[in-house]
PDB file of N, CA and C in Angstrom:
ATOM      1  N   MET A   1      96.098 105.440 129.456  1.00  0.00           N
ATOM      2  CA  MET A   1      95.874 104.363 130.400  1.00  0.00           C
ATOM      3  C   MET A   1      94.390 104.012 130.480  1.00  0.00           C
ATOM      4  N   LYS A   2      93.526 105.022 130.406  1.00  0.00           N
ATOM      5  CA  LYS A   2      92.096 104.782 130.488  1.00  0.00           C
ATOM      6  C   LYS A   2      91.623 103.944 129.303  1.00  0.00           C
ATOM      7  N   LYS A   3      92.231 104.165 128.135  1.00  0.00           N
ATOM      8  CA  LYS A   3      91.873 103.398 126.943  1.00  0.00           C
ATOM      9  C   LYS A   3      92.129 101.906 127.171  1.00  0.00           C
ATOM     10  N   ASN A   4      93.257 101.573 127.791  1.00  0.00           N
ATOM     11  CA  ASN A   4      93.581 100.171 128.043  1.00  0.00           C
ATOM     12  C   ASN A   4      92.564  99.516 128.966  1.00  0.00           C
ATOM     13  N   LYS A   5      92.094 100.242 129.973  1.00  0.00           N
ATOM     14  CA  LYS A   5      91.085  99.685 130.876  1.00  0.00           C
ATOM     15  C   LYS A   5      89.772  99.446 130.146  1.00  0.00           C
ATOM     16  N   GLU A   6      89.414 100.353 129.259  1.00  0.00           N
ATOM     17  CA  GLU A   6      88.195 100.167 128.473  1.00  0.00           C
ATOM     18  C   GLU A   6      88.332  98.962 127.553  1.00  0.00           C
ATOM     19  N   ILE A   7      89.493  98.802 126.966  1.00  0.00           N
ATOM     20  CA  ILE A   7      89.725  97.654 126.088  1.00  0.00           C
ATOM     21  C   ILE A   7      89.639  96.361 126.883  1.00  0.00           C
ATOM     22  N   LEU A   8      90.243  96.333 128.064  1.00  0.00           N
ATOM     23  CA  LEU A   8      90.207  95.117 128.881  1.00  0.00           C
ATOM     24  C   LEU A   8      88.798  94.796 129.373  1.00  0.00           C
ATOM     25  N   ASN A   9      87.922  95.792 129.451  1.00  0.00           N
ATOM     26  CA  ASN A   9      86.527  95.517 129.788  1.00  0.00           C
ATOM     27  C   ASN A   9      85.848  94.708 128.690  1.00  0.00           C
ATOM     28  N   HIS A  10      86.324  94.849 127.464  1.00  0.00           N
ATOM     29  CA  HIS A  10      85.768  94.102 126.340  1.00  0.00           C
ATOM     30  C   HIS A  10      86.492  92.774 126.117  1.00  0.00           C
ATOM     31  N   CYS A  11      87.572  92.541 126.843  1.00  0.00           N
ATOM     32  CA  CYS A  11      88.363  91.310 126.694  1.00  0.00           C
ATOM     33  C   CYS A  11      88.485  90.613 128.050  1.00  0.00           C
ATOM     34  N   PRO A  12      87.437  89.918 128.480  1.00  0.00           N
ATOM     35  CA  PRO A  12      87.466  89.307 129.811  1.00  0.00           C
ATOM     36  C   PRO A  12      88.483  88.173 129.966  1.00  0.00           C
ATOM     37  N   ASN A  13      88.951  87.611 128.852  1.00  0.00           N
ATOM     38  CA  ASN A  13      89.891  86.487 128.914  1.00  0.00           C
ATOM     39  C   ASN A  13      91.346  86.914 128.766  1.00  0.00           C
ATOM     40  N   PHE A  14      91.620  88.211 128.800  1.00  0.00           N
ATOM     41  CA  PHE A  14      92.966  88.710 128.539  1.00  0.00           C
ATOM     42  C   PHE A  14      94.002  88.097 129.482  1.00  0.00           C
ATOM     43  N   TYR A  15      93.734  88.108 130.763  1.00  0.00           N
ATOM     44  CA  TYR A  15      94.734  87.620 131.719  1.00  0.00           C
ATOM     45  C   TYR A  15      94.897  86.101 131.646  1.00  0.00           C
ATOM     46  N   LYS A  16      93.831  85.386 131.313  1.00  0.00           N
ATOM     47  CA  LYS A  16      93.953  83.938 131.116  1.00  0.00           C
ATOM     48  C   LYS A  16      94.849  83.650 129.916  1.00  0.00           C
ATOM     49  N   ILE A  17      94.663  84.425 128.860  1.00  0.00           N
ATOM     50  CA  ILE A  17      95.462  84.251 127.650  1.00  0.00           C
ATOM     51  C   ILE A  17      96.908  84.674 127.908  1.00  0.00           C
ATOM     52  N   LYS A  18      97.077  85.812 128.542  1.00  0.00           N
ATOM     53  CA  LYS A  18      98.419  86.350 128.806  1.00  0.00           C
ATOM     54  C   LYS A  18      99.235  85.427 129.705  1.00  0.00           C
ATOM     55  N   ASN A  19      98.581  84.778 130.673  1.00  0.00           N
ATOM     56  CA  ASN A  19      99.277  83.921 131.626  1.00  0.00           C
ATOM     57  C   ASN A  19      99.289  82.452 131.222  1.00  0.00           C
ATOM     58  N   TYR A  20      98.856  82.151 130.003  1.00  0.00           N
ATOM     59  CA  TYR A  20      98.833  80.775 129.529  1.00  0.00           C
ATOM     60  C   TYR A  20     100.262  80.240 129.424  1.00  0.00           C
ATOM     61  N   GLU A  21     100.488  79.084 130.020  1.00  0.00           N
ATOM     62  CA  GLU A  21     101.812  78.462 129.977  1.00  0.00           C
ATOM     63  C   GLU A  21     101.841  77.446 128.846  1.00  0.00           C
ATOM     64  N   PHE A  22     102.808  77.604 127.975  1.00  0.00           N
ATOM     65  CA  PHE A  22     102.955  76.712 126.832  1.00  0.00           C
ATOM     66  C   PHE A  22     104.412  76.312 126.700  1.00  0.00           C
ATOM     67  N   ASP A  23     104.664  75.328 125.872  1.00  0.00           N
ATOM     68  CA  ASP A  23     106.008  74.826 125.650  1.00  0.00           C
ATOM     69  C   ASP A  23     106.897  75.933 125.098  1.00  0.00           C
ATOM     70  N   GLU A  24     108.109  76.015 125.577  1.00  0.00           N
ATOM     71  CA  GLU A  24     109.015  77.084 125.134  1.00  0.00           C
ATOM     72  C   GLU A  24     109.361  76.990 123.651  1.00  0.00           C
ATOM     73  N   ASN A  25     109.180  75.832 123.030  1.00  0.00           N
ATOM     74  CA  ASN A  25     109.451  75.669 121.601  1.00  0.00           C
ATOM     75  C   ASN A  25     108.220  75.930 120.733  1.00  0.00           C
ATOM     76  N   ASP A  26     107.112  76.287 121.347  1.00  0.00           N
ATOM     77  CA  ASP A  26     105.876  76.542 120.610  1.00  0.00           C
ATOM     78  C   ASP A  26     105.848  78.009 120.166  1.00  0.00           C
ATOM     79  N   TYR A  27     106.523  78.284 119.064  1.00  0.00           N
ATOM     80  CA  TYR A  27     106.638  79.652 118.568  1.00  0.00           C
ATOM     81  C   TYR A  27     105.324  80.167 117.995  1.00  0.00           C
ATOM     82  N   ILE A  28     104.488  79.272 117.488  1.00  0.00           N
ATOM     83  CA  ILE A  28     103.216  79.697 116.917  1.00  0.00           C
ATOM     84  C   ILE A  28     102.326  80.287 118.005  1.00  0.00           C
ATOM     85  N   THR A  29     102.240  79.617 119.143  1.00  0.00           N
ATOM     86  CA  THR A  29     101.429  80.138 120.251  1.00  0.00           C
ATOM     87  C   THR A  29     101.995  81.458 120.746  1.00  0.00           C
ATOM     88  N   LEU A  30     103.295  81.558 120.835  1.00  0.00           N
ATOM     89  CA  LEU A  30     103.933  82.803 121.261  1.00  0.00           C
ATOM     90  C   LEU A  30     103.554  83.948 120.316  1.00  0.00           C
ATOM     91  N   LYS A  31     103.606  83.697 119.019  1.00  0.00           N
ATOM     92  CA  LYS A  31     103.266  84.727 118.028  1.00  0.00           C
ATOM     93  C   LYS A  31     101.778  85.070 118.057  1.00  0.00           C
ATOM     94  N   ILE A  32     100.918  84.056 118.212  1.00  0.00           N
ATOM     95  CA  ILE A  32      99.473  84.302 118.245  1.00  0.00           C
ATOM     96  C   ILE A  32      99.105  85.181 119.430  1.00  0.00           C
ATOM     97  N   ILE A  33      99.668  84.892 120.594  1.00  0.00           N
ATOM     98  CA  ILE A  33      99.388  85.703 121.778  1.00  0.00           C
ATOM     99  C   ILE A  33      99.953  87.111 121.601  1.00  0.00           C
ATOM    100  N   GLY A  34     101.115  87.230 120.997  1.00  0.00           N
ATOM    101  CA  GLY A  34     101.693  88.544 120.727  1.00  0.00           C
ATOM    102  C   GLY A  34     100.847  89.355 119.756  1.00  0.00           C
ATOM    103  N   ILE A  35     100.355  88.712 118.713  1.00  0.00           N
ATOM    104  CA  ILE A  35      99.491  89.383 117.744  1.00  0.00           C
ATOM    105  C   ILE A  35      98.190  89.805 118.415  1.00  0.00           C
ATOM    106  N   TYR A  36      97.651  88.938 119.261  1.00  0.00           N
ATOM    107  CA  TYR A  36      96.423  89.259 120.004  1.00  0.00           C
ATOM    108  C   TYR A  36      96.613  90.533 120.828  1.00  0.00           C
ATOM    109  N   GLU A  37      97.712  90.600 121.581  1.00  0.00           N
ATOM    110  CA  GLU A  37      97.984  91.783 122.406  1.00  0.00           C
ATOM    111  C   GLU A  37      98.162  93.038 121.549  1.00  0.00           C
ATOM    112  N   ASP A  38      98.953  92.931 120.501  1.00  0.00           N
ATOM    113  CA  ASP A  38      99.180  94.081 119.620  1.00  0.00           C
ATOM    114  C   ASP A  38      97.871  94.571 119.009  1.00  0.00           C
ATOM    115  N   TYR A  39      97.057  93.634 118.578  1.00  0.00           N
ATOM    116  CA  TYR A  39      95.823  93.990 117.893  1.00  0.00           C
ATOM    117  C   TYR A  39      94.840  94.692 118.829  1.00  0.00           C
ATOM    118  N   ILE A  40      94.604  94.112 120.006  1.00  0.00           N
ATOM    119  CA  ILE A  40      93.572  94.702 120.868  1.00  0.00           C
ATOM    120  C   ILE A  40      93.977  96.066 121.411  1.00  0.00           C
ATOM    121  N   PHE A  41      95.268  96.295 121.623  1.00  0.00           N
ATOM    122  CA  PHE A  41      95.687  97.574 122.176  1.00  0.00           C
ATOM    123  C   PHE A  41      95.931  98.647 121.122  1.00  0.00           C
ATOM    124  N   ASN A  42      95.757  98.297 119.854  1.00  0.00           N
ATOM    125  CA  ASN A  42      95.936  99.277 118.790  1.00  0.00           C
ATOM    126  C   ASN A  42      94.650  99.562 118.022  1.00  0.00           C
ATOM    127  N   ILE A  43      93.504  99.351 118.661  1.00  0.00           N
ATOM    128  CA  ILE A  43      92.242  99.648 117.989  1.00  0.00           C
ATOM    129  C   ILE A  43      91.729 101.008 118.441  1.00  0.00           C
ATOM    130  N   ASP A  44      90.749 101.482 117.710  1.00  0.00           N
ATOM    131  CA  ASP A  44      90.041 102.692 118.098  1.00  0.00           C
ATOM    132  C   ASP A  44      88.842 102.256 118.931  1.00  0.00           C
ATOM    133  N   ILE A  45      88.855 102.561 120.222  1.00  0.00           N
ATOM    134  CA  ILE A  45      87.812 102.106 121.145  1.00  0.00           C
ATOM    135  C   ILE A  45      86.448 102.700 120.797  1.00  0.00           C
ATOM    136  N   ASN A  46      86.419 103.759 120.026  1.00  0.00           N
ATOM    137  CA  ASN A  46      85.158 104.394 119.639  1.00  0.00           C
ATOM    138  C   ASN A  46      84.529 103.771 118.397  1.00  0.00           C
ATOM    139  N   ASN A  47      85.255 102.889 117.727  1.00  0.00           N
ATOM    140  CA  ASN A  47      84.759 102.222 116.531  1.00  0.00           C
ATOM    141  C   ASN A  47      84.058 100.926 116.942  1.00  0.00           C
ATOM    142  N   GLU A  48      82.745 100.868 116.733  1.00  0.00           N
ATOM    143  CA  GLU A  48      81.942  99.709 117.148  1.00  0.00           C
ATOM    144  C   GLU A  48      82.391  98.411 116.464  1.00  0.00           C
ATOM    145  N   GLU A  49      82.756  98.492 115.199  1.00  0.00           N
ATOM    146  CA  GLU A  49      83.180  97.304 114.455  1.00  0.00           C
ATOM    147  C   GLU A  49      84.467  96.725 115.037  1.00  0.00           C
ATOM    148  N   GLU A  50      85.413  97.585 115.361  1.00  0.00           N
ATOM    149  CA  GLU A  50      86.671  97.116 115.934  1.00  0.00           C
ATOM    150  C   GLU A  50      86.466  96.554 117.344  1.00  0.00           C
ATOM    151  N   VAL A  51      85.577  97.154 118.125  1.00  0.00           N
ATOM    152  CA  VAL A  51      85.279  96.639 119.468  1.00  0.00           C
ATOM    153  C   VAL A  51      84.642  95.254 119.363  1.00  0.00           C
ATOM    154  N   ARG A  52      83.721  95.080 118.414  1.00  0.00           N
ATOM    155  CA  ARG A  52      83.087  93.770 118.210  1.00  0.00           C
ATOM    156  C   ARG A  52      84.138  92.734 117.808  1.00  0.00           C
ATOM    157  N   LYS A  53      85.076  93.171 116.983  1.00  0.00           N
ATOM    158  CA  LYS A  53      86.110  92.256 116.510  1.00  0.00           C
ATOM    159  C   LYS A  53      87.044  91.827 117.644  1.00  0.00           C
ATOM    160  N   ILE A  54      87.415  92.738 118.544  1.00  0.00           N
ATOM    161  CA  ILE A  54      88.303  92.331 119.645  1.00  0.00           C
ATOM    162  C   ILE A  54      87.578  91.422 120.627  1.00  0.00           C
ATOM    163  N   GLU A  55      86.271  91.601 120.779  1.00  0.00           N
ATOM    164  CA  GLU A  55      85.502  90.687 121.630  1.00  0.00           C
ATOM    165  C   GLU A  55      85.502  89.287 121.022  1.00  0.00           C
ATOM    166  N   GLU A  56      85.360  89.222 119.707  1.00  0.00           N
ATOM    167  CA  GLU A  56      85.369  87.941 119.010  1.00  0.00           C
ATOM    168  C   GLU A  56      86.756  87.290 119.076  1.00  0.00           C
ATOM    169  N   ILE A  57      87.788  88.079 118.865  1.00  0.00           N
ATOM    170  CA  ILE A  57      89.159  87.556 118.927  1.00  0.00           C
ATOM    171  C   ILE A  57      89.483  87.073 120.330  1.00  0.00           C
ATOM    172  N   ASP A  58      89.012  87.782 121.337  1.00  0.00           N
ATOM    173  CA  ASP A  58      89.228  87.364 122.721  1.00  0.00           C
ATOM    174  C   ASP A  58      88.616  85.989 122.962  1.00  0.00           C
ATOM    175  N   CYS A  59      87.424  85.780 122.450  1.00  0.00           N
ATOM    176  CA  CYS A  59      86.757  84.481 122.576  1.00  0.00           C
ATOM    177  C   CYS A  59      87.522  83.396 121.819  1.00  0.00           C
ATOM    178  N   ILE A  60      88.006  83.718 120.626  1.00  0.00           N
ATOM    179  CA  ILE A  60      88.717  82.744 119.793  1.00  0.00           C
ATOM    180  C   ILE A  60      90.042  82.336 120.445  1.00  0.00           C
ATOM    181  N   ILE A  61      90.809  83.293 120.919  1.00  0.00           N
ATOM    182  CA  ILE A  61      92.099  82.966 121.533  1.00  0.00           C
ATOM    183  C   ILE A  61      91.888  82.235 122.856  1.00  0.00           C
ATOM    184  N   SER A  62      90.816  82.538 123.563  1.00  0.00           N
ATOM    185  CA  SER A  62      90.493  81.797 124.783  1.00  0.00           C
ATOM    186  C   SER A  62      90.214  80.334 124.454  1.00  0.00           C
ATOM    187  N   LYS A  63      89.480  80.096 123.373  1.00  0.00           N
ATOM    188  CA  LYS A  63      89.227  78.716 122.940  1.00  0.00           C
ATOM    189  C   LYS A  63      90.530  78.055 122.498  1.00  0.00           C
ATOM    190  N   TYR A  64      91.398  78.807 121.869  1.00  0.00           N
ATOM    191  CA  TYR A  64      92.709  78.303 121.456  1.00  0.00           C
ATOM    192  C   TYR A  64      93.494  77.803 122.671  1.00  0.00           C
ATOM    193  N   VAL A  65      93.423  78.544 123.747  1.00  0.00           N
ATOM    194  CA  VAL A  65      94.145  78.192 124.971  1.00  0.00           C
ATOM    195  C   VAL A  65      93.524  76.958 125.636  1.00  0.00           C
ATOM    196  N   ASP A  66      92.202  76.852 125.582  1.00  0.00           N
ATOM    197  CA  ASP A  66      91.484  75.796 126.300  1.00  0.00           C
ATOM    198  C   ASP A  66      91.345  74.481 125.533  1.00  0.00           C
ATOM    199  N   ASP A  67      91.237  74.537 124.216  1.00  0.00           N
ATOM    200  CA  ASP A  67      90.865  73.372 123.411  1.00  0.00           C
ATOM    201  C   ASP A  67      92.047  72.897 122.566  1.00  0.00           C
ATOM    202  N   TYR A  68      92.553  71.702 122.884  1.00  0.00           N
ATOM    203  CA  TYR A  68      93.717  71.159 122.184  1.00  0.00           C
ATOM    204  C   TYR A  68      93.430  70.940 120.696  1.00  0.00           C
ATOM    205  N   ALA A  69      92.264  70.395 120.371  1.00  0.00           N
ATOM    206  CA  ALA A  69      91.934  70.113 118.971  1.00  0.00           C
ATOM    207  C   ALA A  69      91.842  71.417 118.165  1.00  0.00           C
ATOM    208  N   PHE A  70      91.262  72.427 118.758  1.00  0.00           N
ATOM    209  CA  PHE A  70      91.164  73.732 118.081  1.00  0.00           C
ATOM    210  C   PHE A  70      92.547  74.345 117.906  1.00  0.00           C
ATOM    211  N   ARG A  71      93.408  74.184 118.903  1.00  0.00           N
ATOM    212  CA  ARG A  71      94.775  74.702 118.819  1.00  0.00           C
ATOM    213  C   ARG A  71      95.506  74.058 117.642  1.00  0.00           C
ATOM    214  N   ARG A  72      95.374  72.750 117.482  1.00  0.00           N
ATOM    215  CA  ARG A  72      96.006  72.045 116.363  1.00  0.00           C
ATOM    216  C   ARG A  72      95.450  72.541 115.026  1.00  0.00           C
ATOM    217  N   GLU A  73      94.136  72.744 114.983  1.00  0.00           N
ATOM    218  CA  GLU A  73      93.495  73.231 113.756  1.00  0.00           C
ATOM    219  C   GLU A  73      94.043  74.602 113.366  1.00  0.00           C
ATOM    220  N   ILE A  74      94.144  75.506 114.325  1.00  0.00           N
ATOM    221  CA  ILE A  74      94.681  76.851 114.068  1.00  0.00           C
ATOM    222  C   ILE A  74      96.128  76.759 113.595  1.00  0.00           C
ATOM    223  N   GLN A  75      96.931  75.992 114.303  1.00  0.00           N
ATOM    224  CA  GLN A  75      98.350  75.906 113.953  1.00  0.00           C
ATOM    225  C   GLN A  75      98.539  75.336 112.556  1.00  0.00           C
ATOM    226  N   ASN A  76      97.796  74.291 112.212  1.00  0.00           N
ATOM    227  CA  ASN A  76      97.928  73.700 110.882  1.00  0.00           C
ATOM    228  C   ASN A  76      97.504  74.671 109.783  1.00  0.00           C
ATOM    229  N   ASN A  77      96.433  75.415 110.032  1.00  0.00           N
ATOM    230  CA  ASN A  77      95.959  76.362 109.021  1.00  0.00           C
ATOM    231  C   ASN A  77      96.879  77.568 108.889  1.00  0.00           C
ATOM    232  N   LEU A  78      97.429  78.043 109.990  1.00  0.00           N
ATOM    233  CA  LEU A  78      98.309  79.207 109.913  1.00  0.00           C
ATOM    234  C   LEU A  78      99.653  78.875 109.269  1.00  0.00           C
ATOM    235  N   LEU A  79     100.085  77.626 109.371  1.00  0.00           N
ATOM    236  CA  LEU A  79     101.334  77.237 108.714  1.00  0.00           C
ATOM    237  C   LEU A  79     101.207  77.290 107.196  1.00  0.00           C
ATOM    238  N   ASN A  80      99.994  77.116 106.694  1.00  0.00           N
ATOM    239  CA  ASN A  80      99.759  77.131 105.253  1.00  0.00           C
ATOM    240  C   ASN A  80      99.274  78.483 104.744  1.00  0.00           C
ATOM    241  N   LEU A  81      99.268  79.487 105.593  1.00  0.00           N
ATOM    242  CA  LEU A  81      98.780  80.812 105.225  1.00  0.00           C
ATOM    243  C   LEU A  81      99.787  81.522 104.330  1.00  0.00           C
ATOM    244  N   LYS A  82      99.274  82.089 103.250  1.00  0.00           N
ATOM    245  CA  LYS A  82     100.118  82.844 102.329  1.00  0.00           C
ATOM    246  C   LYS A  82      99.690  84.307 102.376  1.00  0.00           C
ATOM    247  N   VAL A  83     100.677  85.198 102.486  1.00  0.00           N
ATOM    248  CA  VAL A  83     100.417  86.633 102.587  1.00  0.00           C
ATOM    249  C   VAL A  83     101.197  87.341 101.488  1.00  0.00           C
ATOM    250  N   LYS A  84     100.530  88.250 100.793  1.00  0.00           N
ATOM    251  CA  LYS A  84     101.194  89.027  99.740  1.00  0.00           C
ATOM    252  C   LYS A  84     102.047  90.115 100.366  1.00  0.00           C
ATOM    253  N   ARG A  85     103.088  90.474  99.675  1.00  0.00           N
ATOM    254  CA  ARG A  85     103.954  91.566 100.138  1.00  0.00           C
ATOM    255  C   ARG A  85     103.162  92.856 100.218  1.00  0.00           C
ATOM    256  N   GLY A  86     103.471  93.631 101.247  1.00  0.00           N
ATOM    257  CA  GLY A  86     102.806  94.913 101.421  1.00  0.00           C
ATOM    258  C   GLY A  86     101.462  94.821 102.117  1.00  0.00           C
ATOM    259  N   SER A  87     101.017  93.609 102.424  1.00  0.00           N
ATOM    260  CA  SER A  87      99.736  93.434 103.106  1.00  0.00           C
ATOM    261  C   SER A  87      99.912  93.627 104.604  1.00  0.00           C
ATOM    262  N   ASN A  88      98.823  93.961 105.275  1.00  0.00           N
ATOM    263  CA  ASN A  88      98.824  94.071 106.729  1.00  0.00           C
ATOM    264  C   ASN A  88      98.731  92.662 107.306  1.00  0.00           C
ATOM    265  N   ILE A  89      99.849  92.128 107.757  1.00  0.00           N
ATOM    266  CA  ILE A  89      99.931  90.743 108.206  1.00  0.00           C
ATOM    267  C   ILE A  89      99.032  90.492 109.405  1.00  0.00           C
ATOM    268  N   VAL A  90      99.016  91.411 110.357  1.00  0.00           N
ATOM    269  CA  VAL A  90      98.206  91.226 111.561  1.00  0.00           C
ATOM    270  C   VAL A  90      96.734  91.127 111.196  1.00  0.00           C
ATOM    271  N   GLU A  91      96.278  92.007 110.330  1.00  0.00           N
ATOM    272  CA  GLU A  91      94.864  91.998 109.928  1.00  0.00           C
ATOM    273  C   GLU A  91      94.512  90.708 109.193  1.00  0.00           C
ATOM    274  N   ILE A  92      95.406  90.220 108.355  1.00  0.00           N
ATOM    275  CA  ILE A  92      95.155  88.971 107.624  1.00  0.00           C
ATOM    276  C   ILE A  92      95.099  87.795 108.588  1.00  0.00           C
ATOM    277  N   ILE A  93      95.995  87.755 109.560  1.00  0.00           N
ATOM    278  CA  ILE A  93      95.986  86.665 110.544  1.00  0.00           C
ATOM    279  C   ILE A  93      94.706  86.713 111.375  1.00  0.00           C
ATOM    280  N   ILE A  94      94.281  87.901 111.788  1.00  0.00           N
ATOM    281  CA  ILE A  94      93.046  88.041 112.569  1.00  0.00           C
ATOM    282  C   ILE A  94      91.851  87.551 111.755  1.00  0.00           C
ATOM    283  N   GLU A  95      91.767  87.942 110.503  1.00  0.00           N
ATOM    284  CA  GLU A  95      90.669  87.499 109.641  1.00  0.00           C
ATOM    285  C   GLU A  95      90.685  85.986 109.466  1.00  0.00           C
ATOM    286  N   ASN A  96      91.874  85.404 109.325  1.00  0.00           N
ATOM    287  CA  ASN A  96      91.968  83.952 109.186  1.00  0.00           C
ATOM    288  C   ASN A  96      91.607  83.239 110.468  1.00  0.00           C
ATOM    289  N   LEU A  97      91.966  83.795 111.620  1.00  0.00           N
ATOM    290  CA  LEU A  97      91.565  83.194 112.892  1.00  0.00           C
ATOM    291  C   LEU A  97      90.047  83.153 113.009  1.00  0.00           C
ATOM    292  N   ILE A  98      89.393  84.236 112.612  1.00  0.00           N
ATOM    293  CA  ILE A  98      87.925  84.279 112.658  1.00  0.00           C
ATOM    294  C   ILE A  98      87.332  83.256 111.696  1.00  0.00           C
ATOM    295  N   ARG A  99      87.880  83.174 110.496  1.00  0.00           N
ATOM    296  CA  ARG A  99      87.392  82.210 109.508  1.00  0.00           C
ATOM    297  C   ARG A  99      87.577  80.772 109.981  1.00  0.00           C
ATOM    298  N   ILE A 100      88.749  80.463 110.521  1.00  0.00           N
ATOM    299  CA  ILE A 100      89.029  79.113 111.016  1.00  0.00           C
ATOM    300  C   ILE A 100      88.096  78.778 112.174  1.00  0.00           C
ATOM    301  N   PHE A 101      87.877  79.727 113.068  1.00  0.00           N
ATOM    302  CA  PHE A 101      86.981  79.509 114.202  1.00  0.00           C
ATOM    303  C   PHE A 101      85.567  79.202 113.729  1.00  0.00           C
ATOM    304  N   ASN A 102      85.058  79.976 112.785  1.00  0.00           N
ATOM    305  CA  ASN A 102      83.697  79.746 112.277  1.00  0.00           C
ATOM    306  C   ASN A 102      83.584  78.395 111.591  1.00  0.00           C
ATOM    307  N   THR A 103      84.579  78.022 110.816  1.00  0.00           N
ATOM    308  CA  THR A 103      84.585  76.719 110.154  1.00  0.00           C
ATOM    309  C   THR A 103      84.649  75.594 111.185  1.00  0.00           C
ATOM    310  N   TYR A 104      85.488  75.758 112.179  1.00  0.00           N
ATOM    311  CA  TYR A 104      85.633  74.745 113.236  1.00  0.00           C
ATOM    312  C   TYR A 104      84.329  74.578 114.007  1.00  0.00           C
ATOM    313  N   GLU A 105      83.698  75.687 114.369  1.00  0.00           N
ATOM    314  CA  GLU A 105      82.441  75.622 115.118  1.00  0.00           C
ATOM    315  C   GLU A 105      81.350  74.951 114.294  1.00  0.00           C
ATOM    316  N   ASP A 106      81.276  75.255 112.998  1.00  0.00           N
ATOM    317  CA  ASP A 106      80.282  74.618 112.139  1.00  0.00           C
ATOM    318  C   ASP A 106      80.520  73.122 112.060  1.00  0.00           C
ATOM    319  N   GLY A 107      81.755  72.713 111.849  1.00  0.00           N
ATOM    320  CA  GLY A 107      82.084  71.295 111.762  1.00  0.00           C
ATOM    321  C   GLY A 107      81.931  70.584 113.081  1.00  0.00           C
ATOM    322  N   TYR A 108      82.269  71.253 114.163  1.00  0.00           N
ATOM    323  CA  TYR A 108      82.192  70.650 115.495  1.00  0.00           C
ATOM    324  C   TYR A 108      80.754  70.396 115.907  1.00  0.00           C
ATOM    325  N   THR A 109      79.859  71.321 115.595  1.00  0.00           N
ATOM    326  CA  THR A 109      78.466  71.143 115.998  1.00  0.00           C
ATOM    327  C   THR A 109      77.736  70.163 115.092  1.00  0.00           C
ATOM    328  N   ARG A 110      78.216  69.965 113.876  1.00  0.00           N
ATOM    329  CA  ARG A 110      77.556  69.024 112.967  1.00  0.00           C
ATOM    330  C   ARG A 110      77.975  67.586 113.212  1.00  0.00           C
ATOM    331  N   ASN A 111      79.144  67.360 113.752  1.00  0.00           N
ATOM    332  CA  ASN A 111      79.659  66.008 113.942  1.00  0.00           C
ATOM    333  C   ASN A 111      79.359  65.481 115.337  1.00  0.00           C
ATOM    334  N   ILE A 112      78.109  65.459 115.687  1.00  0.00           N
ATOM    335  CA  ILE A 112      77.704  64.924 116.979  1.00  0.00           C
ATOM    336  C   ILE A 112      77.219  63.497 116.752  1.00  0.00           C
ATOM    337  N   TYR A 113      77.819  62.572 117.478  1.00  0.00           N
ATOM    338  CA  TYR A 113      77.482  61.182 117.342  1.00  0.00           C
ATOM    339  C   TYR A 113      76.791  60.692 118.584  1.00  0.00           C
ATOM    340  N   PHE A 114      75.781  59.853 118.382  1.00  0.00           N
ATOM    341  CA  PHE A 114      75.074  59.259 119.504  1.00  0.00           C
ATOM    342  C   PHE A 114      75.491  57.803 119.606  1.00  0.00           C
ATOM    343  N   ALA A 115      75.934  57.424 120.769  1.00  0.00           N
ATOM    344  CA  ALA A 115      76.320  56.036 120.992  1.00  0.00           C
ATOM    345  C   ALA A 115      75.072  55.206 121.279  1.00  0.00           C
ATOM    346  N   ARG A 116      75.067  53.993 120.809  1.00  0.00           N
ATOM    347  CA  ARG A 116      73.931  53.099 121.065  1.00  0.00           C
ATOM    348  C   ARG A 116      74.287  52.198 122.222  1.00  0.00           C
ATOM    349  N   TRP A 117      73.431  52.197 123.180  1.00  0.00           N
ATOM    350  CA  TRP A 117      73.629  51.333 124.336  1.00  0.00           C
ATOM    351  C   TRP A 117      72.809  50.065 124.139  1.00  0.00           C
ATOM    352  N   ILE A 118      73.430  48.964 124.435  1.00  0.00           N
ATOM    353  CA  ILE A 118      72.739  47.677 124.283  1.00  0.00           C
ATOM    354  C   ILE A 118      72.092  47.306 125.594  1.00  0.00           C
TER     355      ILE A 118
END
């Protein structure tokens, strides 16, 4: 039980993500939230790399919940994801979420337009 409390200290958005209300037919969001929960509660809390990764995933899934455009981007990319047999599916999905987030953030910050006022 103490391990779970330590993990939740590194995931400040857990309850926002867990209580997110989505359409009952949105199976992708249901699976993403399920993978998020499985992943964060199955790490080694003493491993610095894994702790850093769950903090990053917490931020990414929080953005997924808050940002409609980012949610569409994730869903479209995950539908085209190919996984080899025998691979760790959860780890591959987590790595792809991080990659998609970094690509989205780079593109989002570069596409800033200034309107001209007359």
